[in-house]
Amino acid sequence: MLLLADDDEHGAALTQRAFKAAGIDEPVVSVRTGEAAIQHLSDSKVAPRIALLDQNLPGRTGLEVLQWIRTASPLPTLPVLLLSGSDYDGDVQTAYLLGANAYLVKPSTYDATVEMAKAIKAFWLGVNRGPPR
């Protein structure tokens, strides 16, 4: 299972379609707020393989959710990929300082989103060995 936290319903649907086009068969749990992401991670009986967090979630931002995952969650080693429309060096630096495993700038086209999904599949769901659950 994958956790996708994105407040943009259209963007989340686009990402999920791109995952299917890339051959990602994992179920995707989609939430719209940082609080919902935290609630899901706190309550879920099955840990997601990765969490994809939009940087600009309402309420608690993706960075705040990331910080919670690393410091207070039951899944402190969960691989977290931060998704953002920003490629500002300060945002990237902050994400990595808080423990992001990757910082991905959201692609501007569907085809580029499919390519990003293929890269996620190849590395994060393929050759990478995640932490034991």
N, C-alpha and C. Protein backbone atom coordinates (compact mmCIF):
# COMPACT_ATOMS: atom_id res chain seq x y z
N MET A 1 0.82 -1.17 0.00
CA MET A 1 0.00 0.00 0.00
C MET A 1 0.88 1.25 0.00
N LEU A 2 0.41 2.28 -0.71
CA LEU A 2 1.08 3.56 -0.75
C LEU A 2 0.16 4.60 -0.14
N LEU A 3 0.72 5.59 0.55
CA LEU A 3 -0.05 6.70 1.07
C LEU A 3 0.27 7.92 0.21
N LEU A 4 -0.78 8.54 -0.34
CA LEU A 4 -0.64 9.76 -1.13
C LEU A 4 -1.42 10.86 -0.43
N ALA A 5 -0.73 11.88 0.03
CA ALA A 5 -1.37 13.02 0.68
C ALA A 5 -1.24 14.23 -0.24
N ASP A 6 -2.35 14.61 -0.85
CA ASP A 6 -2.37 15.75 -1.78
C ASP A 6 -3.74 16.40 -1.70
N ASP A 7 -3.77 17.69 -1.40
CA ASP A 7 -5.05 18.38 -1.25
C ASP A 7 -5.72 18.68 -2.58
N ASP A 8 -4.98 18.60 -3.66
CA ASP A 8 -5.53 18.86 -5.00
C ASP A 8 -6.13 17.56 -5.54
N GLU A 9 -7.44 17.49 -5.55
CA GLU A 9 -8.13 16.27 -5.99
C GLU A 9 -7.73 15.88 -7.41
N HIS A 10 -7.63 16.87 -8.29
CA HIS A 10 -7.24 16.60 -9.68
C HIS A 10 -5.80 16.06 -9.73
N GLY A 11 -4.91 16.70 -8.98
CA GLY A 11 -3.52 16.25 -8.96
C GLY A 11 -3.36 14.85 -8.40
N ALA A 12 -4.12 14.55 -7.36
CA ALA A 12 -4.06 13.20 -6.77
C ALA A 12 -4.58 12.16 -7.76
N ALA A 13 -5.67 12.49 -8.45
CA ALA A 13 -6.22 11.56 -9.45
C ALA A 13 -5.24 11.37 -10.59
N LEU A 14 -4.59 12.44 -11.01
CA LEU A 14 -3.58 12.35 -12.08
C LEU A 14 -2.43 11.45 -11.65
N THR A 15 -1.98 11.63 -10.41
CA THR A 15 -0.89 10.79 -9.90
C THR A 15 -1.30 9.33 -9.87
N GLN A 16 -2.51 9.05 -9.41
CA GLN A 16 -2.97 7.66 -9.36
C GLN A 16 -3.10 7.06 -10.76
N ARG A 17 -3.58 7.84 -11.73
CA ARG A 17 -3.65 7.33 -13.11
C ARG A 17 -2.24 7.05 -13.64
N ALA A 18 -1.31 7.94 -13.33
CA ALA A 18 0.08 7.74 -13.76
C ALA A 18 0.67 6.49 -13.13
N PHE A 19 0.34 6.23 -11.87
CA PHE A 19 0.82 5.01 -11.21
C PHE A 19 0.32 3.78 -11.95
N LYS A 20 -0.96 3.77 -12.31
CA LYS A 20 -1.51 2.64 -13.05
C LYS A 20 -0.82 2.49 -14.40
N ALA A 21 -0.62 3.61 -15.10
CA ALA A 21 0.04 3.58 -16.41
C ALA A 21 1.48 3.08 -16.29
N ALA A 22 2.12 3.33 -15.14
CA ALA A 22 3.49 2.88 -14.92
C ALA A 22 3.56 1.44 -14.44
N GLY A 23 2.38 0.81 -14.24
CA GLY A 23 2.36 -0.58 -13.79
C GLY A 23 2.48 -0.75 -12.29
N ILE A 24 2.20 0.29 -11.53
CA ILE A 24 2.22 0.16 -10.07
C ILE A 24 0.88 -0.44 -9.65
N ASP A 25 0.95 -1.64 -9.10
CA ASP A 25 -0.25 -2.37 -8.71
C ASP A 25 -0.62 -2.19 -7.25
N GLU A 26 0.23 -1.50 -6.49
CA GLU A 26 -0.03 -1.29 -5.07
C GLU A 26 -1.31 -0.48 -4.88
N PRO A 27 -2.14 -0.84 -3.90
CA PRO A 27 -3.27 0.03 -3.59
C PRO A 27 -2.76 1.37 -3.07
N VAL A 28 -3.48 2.44 -3.39
CA VAL A 28 -3.12 3.78 -2.97
C VAL A 28 -4.21 4.32 -2.06
N VAL A 29 -3.82 4.70 -0.85
CA VAL A 29 -4.73 5.39 0.05
C VAL A 29 -4.45 6.87 -0.16
N SER A 30 -5.49 7.62 -0.53
CA SER A 30 -5.35 9.03 -0.83
C SER A 30 -6.05 9.85 0.25
N VAL A 31 -5.33 10.82 0.81
CA VAL A 31 -5.90 11.72 1.81
C VAL A 31 -5.64 13.16 1.35
N ARG A 32 -6.41 14.10 1.89
CA ARG A 32 -6.35 15.49 1.43
C ARG A 32 -5.68 16.47 2.38
N THR A 33 -5.45 16.07 3.63
CA THR A 33 -4.87 16.99 4.61
C THR A 33 -3.73 16.31 5.37
N GLY A 34 -2.91 17.14 5.99
CA GLY A 34 -1.86 16.60 6.83
C GLY A 34 -2.40 15.84 8.02
N GLU A 35 -3.48 16.36 8.59
CA GLU A 35 -4.10 15.67 9.72
C GLU A 35 -4.62 14.30 9.32
N ALA A 36 -5.20 14.21 8.14
CA ALA A 36 -5.70 12.91 7.66
C ALA A 36 -4.55 11.93 7.43
N ALA A 37 -3.42 12.42 6.96
CA ALA A 37 -2.25 11.56 6.77
C ALA A 37 -1.77 11.01 8.12
N ILE A 38 -1.69 11.89 9.10
CA ILE A 38 -1.26 11.47 10.44
C ILE A 38 -2.25 10.48 11.03
N GLN A 39 -3.53 10.75 10.87
CA GLN A 39 -4.56 9.85 11.39
C GLN A 39 -4.43 8.47 10.74
N HIS A 40 -4.25 8.46 9.43
CA HIS A 40 -4.13 7.17 8.73
C HIS A 40 -2.88 6.42 9.22
N LEU A 41 -1.77 7.10 9.33
CA LEU A 41 -0.54 6.43 9.76
C LEU A 41 -0.64 5.96 11.20
N SER A 42 -1.38 6.67 12.01
CA SER A 42 -1.56 6.29 13.42
C SER A 42 -2.47 5.07 13.57
N ASP A 43 -3.51 5.00 12.73
CA ASP A 43 -4.54 3.99 12.88
C ASP A 43 -4.36 2.74 12.01
N SER A 44 -3.58 2.84 10.96
CA SER A 44 -3.50 1.76 9.98
C SER A 44 -2.86 0.52 10.57
N LYS A 45 -3.47 -0.62 10.28
CA LYS A 45 -2.91 -1.90 10.71
C LYS A 45 -1.79 -2.35 9.77
N VAL A 46 -1.79 -1.79 8.54
CA VAL A 46 -0.79 -2.14 7.54
C VAL A 46 0.01 -0.87 7.21
N ALA A 47 1.30 -0.93 7.41
CA ALA A 47 2.15 0.23 7.12
C ALA A 47 2.30 0.39 5.62
N PRO A 48 2.21 1.62 5.12
CA PRO A 48 2.46 1.83 3.70
C PRO A 48 3.92 1.55 3.36
N ARG A 49 4.17 1.17 2.13
CA ARG A 49 5.56 0.97 1.69
C ARG A 49 6.28 2.29 1.56
N ILE A 50 5.56 3.32 1.08
CA ILE A 50 6.09 4.67 1.01
C ILE A 50 4.95 5.66 1.24
N ALA A 51 5.32 6.85 1.68
CA ALA A 51 4.37 7.95 1.79
C ALA A 51 4.82 9.04 0.83
N LEU A 52 3.88 9.53 0.04
CA LEU A 52 4.13 10.65 -0.86
C LEU A 52 3.35 11.83 -0.30
N LEU A 53 4.04 12.87 0.12
CA LEU A 53 3.42 14.00 0.78
C LEU A 53 3.57 15.26 -0.05
N ASP A 54 2.46 15.90 -0.35
CA ASP A 54 2.50 17.22 -0.97
C ASP A 54 3.05 18.19 0.07
N GLN A 55 3.94 19.05 -0.34
CA GLN A 55 4.54 20.00 0.60
C GLN A 55 3.52 20.97 1.16
N ASN A 56 2.53 21.36 0.37
CA ASN A 56 1.59 22.40 0.76
C ASN A 56 0.22 21.85 1.13
N LEU A 57 0.18 20.91 2.03
CA LEU A 57 -1.09 20.39 2.52
C LEU A 57 -1.74 21.43 3.45
N PRO A 58 -3.07 21.47 3.46
CA PRO A 58 -3.73 22.37 4.40
C PRO A 58 -3.62 21.84 5.83
N GLY A 59 -3.72 22.75 6.80
CA GLY A 59 -3.55 22.35 8.19
C GLY A 59 -2.09 22.09 8.45
N ARG A 60 -1.75 20.86 8.69
CA ARG A 60 -0.33 20.50 8.82
C ARG A 60 0.24 20.30 7.43
N THR A 61 1.33 20.97 7.15
CA THR A 61 1.96 20.86 5.83
C THR A 61 2.65 19.51 5.68
N GLY A 62 3.05 19.21 4.47
CA GLY A 62 3.81 17.98 4.24
C GLY A 62 5.08 17.94 5.07
N LEU A 63 5.72 19.09 5.25
CA LEU A 63 6.93 19.14 6.08
C LEU A 63 6.62 18.84 7.54
N GLU A 64 5.48 19.33 8.01
CA GLU A 64 5.08 19.05 9.40
C GLU A 64 4.72 17.58 9.57
N VAL A 65 4.07 17.00 8.58
CA VAL A 65 3.77 15.57 8.65
C VAL A 65 5.07 14.77 8.63
N LEU A 66 6.00 15.15 7.77
CA LEU A 66 7.31 14.50 7.72
C LEU A 66 7.99 14.56 9.08
N GLN A 67 7.98 15.73 9.69
CA GLN A 67 8.61 15.87 11.01
C GLN A 67 7.93 14.97 12.04
N TRP A 68 6.60 14.89 12.00
CA TRP A 68 5.86 14.00 12.90
C TRP A 68 6.25 12.54 12.66
N ILE A 69 6.34 12.15 11.38
CA ILE A 69 6.72 10.76 11.06
C ILE A 69 8.07 10.44 11.67
N ARG A 70 9.03 11.33 11.53
CA ARG A 70 10.39 11.06 12.01
C ARG A 70 10.53 11.11 13.53
N THR A 71 9.67 11.88 14.20
CA THR A 71 9.87 12.09 15.63
C THR A 71 8.81 11.47 16.54
N ALA A 72 7.58 11.27 16.04
CA ALA A 72 6.52 10.85 16.95
C ALA A 72 5.64 9.72 16.43
N SER A 73 5.83 9.29 15.22
CA SER A 73 4.95 8.27 14.64
C SER A 73 5.41 6.87 15.02
N PRO A 74 4.52 5.89 14.81
CA PRO A 74 4.93 4.50 15.01
C PRO A 74 5.77 3.98 13.84
N LEU A 75 6.01 4.82 12.83
CA LEU A 75 6.74 4.41 11.62
C LEU A 75 7.89 5.38 11.31
N PRO A 76 8.83 5.56 12.22
CA PRO A 76 9.85 6.59 12.02
C PRO A 76 10.79 6.35 10.84
N THR A 77 10.86 5.12 10.34
CA THR A 77 11.74 4.83 9.21
C THR A 77 10.99 4.72 7.88
N LEU A 78 9.69 5.05 7.89
CA LEU A 78 8.89 4.99 6.66
C LEU A 78 9.54 5.84 5.57
N PRO A 79 9.76 5.30 4.38
CA PRO A 79 10.28 6.12 3.29
C PRO A 79 9.25 7.20 2.91
N VAL A 80 9.71 8.45 2.92
CA VAL A 80 8.85 9.59 2.62
C VAL A 80 9.40 10.34 1.43
N LEU A 81 8.55 10.48 0.41
CA LEU A 81 8.88 11.26 -0.78
C LEU A 81 8.06 12.52 -0.72
N LEU A 82 8.72 13.66 -0.69
CA LEU A 82 8.01 14.93 -0.64
C LEU A 82 7.77 15.40 -2.07
N LEU A 83 6.53 15.77 -2.36
CA LEU A 83 6.15 16.28 -3.68
C LEU A 83 5.90 17.78 -3.57
N SER A 84 6.43 18.53 -4.50
CA SER A 84 6.27 19.98 -4.42
C SER A 84 6.26 20.61 -5.79
N GLY A 85 5.60 21.73 -5.89
CA GLY A 85 5.67 22.53 -7.10
C GLY A 85 6.89 23.43 -7.09
N SER A 86 7.59 23.49 -5.96
CA SER A 86 8.74 24.37 -5.80
C SER A 86 10.05 23.62 -5.99
N ASP A 87 10.97 24.25 -6.68
CA ASP A 87 12.33 23.69 -6.73
C ASP A 87 13.31 24.65 -6.05
N TYR A 88 12.79 25.49 -5.16
CA TYR A 88 13.59 26.43 -4.39
C TYR A 88 14.55 25.66 -3.48
N ASP A 89 15.83 26.00 -3.55
CA ASP A 89 16.85 25.28 -2.78
C ASP A 89 16.55 25.24 -1.29
N GLY A 90 15.99 26.31 -0.74
CA GLY A 90 15.67 26.34 0.68
C GLY A 90 14.63 25.31 1.05
N ASP A 91 13.62 25.12 0.19
CA ASP A 91 12.59 24.10 0.44
C ASP A 91 13.19 22.70 0.38
N VAL A 92 14.05 22.48 -0.60
CA VAL A 92 14.70 21.17 -0.74
C VAL A 92 15.56 20.89 0.49
N GLN A 93 16.35 21.87 0.90
CA GLN A 93 17.23 21.71 2.06
C GLN A 93 16.41 21.39 3.31
N THR A 94 15.33 22.12 3.55
CA THR A 94 14.50 21.89 4.72
C THR A 94 13.93 20.48 4.72
N ALA A 95 13.45 20.03 3.57
CA ALA A 95 12.88 18.68 3.47
C ALA A 95 13.92 17.63 3.86
N TYR A 96 15.12 17.75 3.34
CA TYR A 96 16.14 16.76 3.66
C TYR A 96 16.59 16.86 5.12
N LEU A 97 16.67 18.07 5.66
CA LEU A 97 17.04 18.22 7.07
C LEU A 97 16.00 17.58 7.99
N LEU A 98 14.74 17.57 7.56
CA LEU A 98 13.68 16.95 8.36
C LEU A 98 13.58 15.44 8.15
N GLY A 99 14.36 14.91 7.21
CA GLY A 99 14.40 13.46 7.03
C GLY A 99 13.71 12.91 5.81
N ALA A 100 13.42 13.76 4.82
CA ALA A 100 12.84 13.25 3.58
C ALA A 100 13.81 12.28 2.91
N ASN A 101 13.27 11.25 2.31
CA ASN A 101 14.09 10.32 1.55
C ASN A 101 14.29 10.80 0.12
N ALA A 102 13.35 11.62 -0.36
CA ALA A 102 13.46 12.18 -1.71
C ALA A 102 12.60 13.43 -1.79
N TYR A 103 12.99 14.35 -2.65
CA TYR A 103 12.24 15.58 -2.90
C TYR A 103 11.97 15.61 -4.39
N LEU A 104 10.71 15.51 -4.75
CA LEU A 104 10.33 15.43 -6.16
C LEU A 104 9.54 16.67 -6.55
N VAL A 105 9.98 17.36 -7.59
CA VAL A 105 9.22 18.49 -8.11
C VAL A 105 8.12 17.91 -8.99
N LYS A 106 6.88 18.34 -8.70
CA LYS A 106 5.73 17.80 -9.44
C LYS A 106 5.89 18.10 -10.93
N PRO A 107 5.76 17.08 -11.76
CA PRO A 107 5.85 17.29 -13.21
C PRO A 107 4.69 18.14 -13.71
N SER A 108 4.92 18.80 -14.84
CA SER A 108 3.89 19.70 -15.39
C SER A 108 3.01 19.03 -16.44
N THR A 109 3.36 17.81 -16.85
CA THR A 109 2.54 17.11 -17.85
C THR A 109 2.23 15.70 -17.37
N TYR A 110 1.20 15.11 -17.96
CA TYR A 110 0.84 13.74 -17.62
C TYR A 110 1.98 12.78 -17.98
N ASP A 111 2.56 12.94 -19.17
CA ASP A 111 3.64 12.04 -19.58
C ASP A 111 4.82 12.10 -18.61
N ALA A 112 5.14 13.30 -18.15
CA ALA A 112 6.24 13.44 -17.19
C ALA A 112 5.86 12.82 -15.84
N THR A 113 4.58 12.88 -15.49
CA THR A 113 4.11 12.26 -14.25
C THR A 113 4.22 10.74 -14.36
N VAL A 114 3.92 10.19 -15.52
CA VAL A 114 4.09 8.75 -15.73
C VAL A 114 5.56 8.37 -15.61
N GLU A 115 6.45 9.18 -16.16
CA GLU A 115 7.89 8.90 -16.05
C GLU A 115 8.34 8.93 -14.59
N MET A 116 7.83 9.90 -13.82
CA MET A 116 8.14 9.96 -12.39
C MET A 116 7.63 8.69 -11.70
N ALA A 117 6.41 8.26 -12.04
CA ALA A 117 5.84 7.05 -11.45
C ALA A 117 6.69 5.83 -11.80
N LYS A 118 7.18 5.76 -13.02
CA LYS A 118 8.05 4.64 -13.41
C LYS A 118 9.34 4.64 -12.58
N ALA A 119 9.88 5.83 -12.32
CA ALA A 119 11.10 5.93 -11.51
C ALA A 119 10.82 5.50 -10.07
N ILE A 120 9.67 5.90 -9.54
CA ILE A 120 9.27 5.47 -8.19
C ILE A 120 9.14 3.95 -8.14
N LYS A 121 8.51 3.39 -9.17
CA LYS A 121 8.35 1.94 -9.22
C LYS A 121 9.71 1.24 -9.30
N ALA A 122 10.57 1.73 -10.16
CA ALA A 122 11.87 1.08 -10.36
C ALA A 122 12.73 1.11 -9.10
N PHE A 123 12.77 2.26 -8.44
CA PHE A 123 13.64 2.35 -7.27
C PHE A 123 12.91 2.02 -5.98
N TRP A 124 11.90 2.80 -5.62
CA TRP A 124 11.28 2.67 -4.30
C TRP A 124 10.49 1.39 -4.14
N LEU A 125 9.90 0.89 -5.22
CA LEU A 125 9.12 -0.35 -5.14
C LEU A 125 9.85 -1.51 -5.79
N GLY A 126 11.04 -1.24 -6.32
CA GLY A 126 11.82 -2.27 -7.02
C GLY A 126 13.10 -2.62 -6.28
N VAL A 127 14.18 -1.95 -6.63
CA VAL A 127 15.49 -2.33 -6.10
C VAL A 127 15.73 -1.90 -4.67
N ASN A 128 15.04 -0.86 -4.20
CA ASN A 128 15.24 -0.42 -2.82
C ASN A 128 14.67 -1.43 -1.83
N ARG A 129 15.43 -1.71 -0.82
CA ARG A 129 14.92 -2.57 0.27
C ARG A 129 14.56 -1.64 1.40
N GLY A 130 13.27 -1.52 1.64
CA GLY A 130 12.78 -0.64 2.70
C GLY A 130 13.02 -1.24 4.07
N PRO A 131 12.78 -0.42 5.10
CA PRO A 131 12.97 -0.92 6.46
C PRO A 131 11.95 -2.00 6.79
N PRO A 132 12.34 -2.93 7.66
CA PRO A 132 11.39 -3.98 8.07
C PRO A 132 10.16 -3.35 8.72
N ARG A 133 9.03 -3.97 8.49
CA ARG A 133 7.78 -3.46 9.09
C ARG A 133 7.40 -4.29 10.29
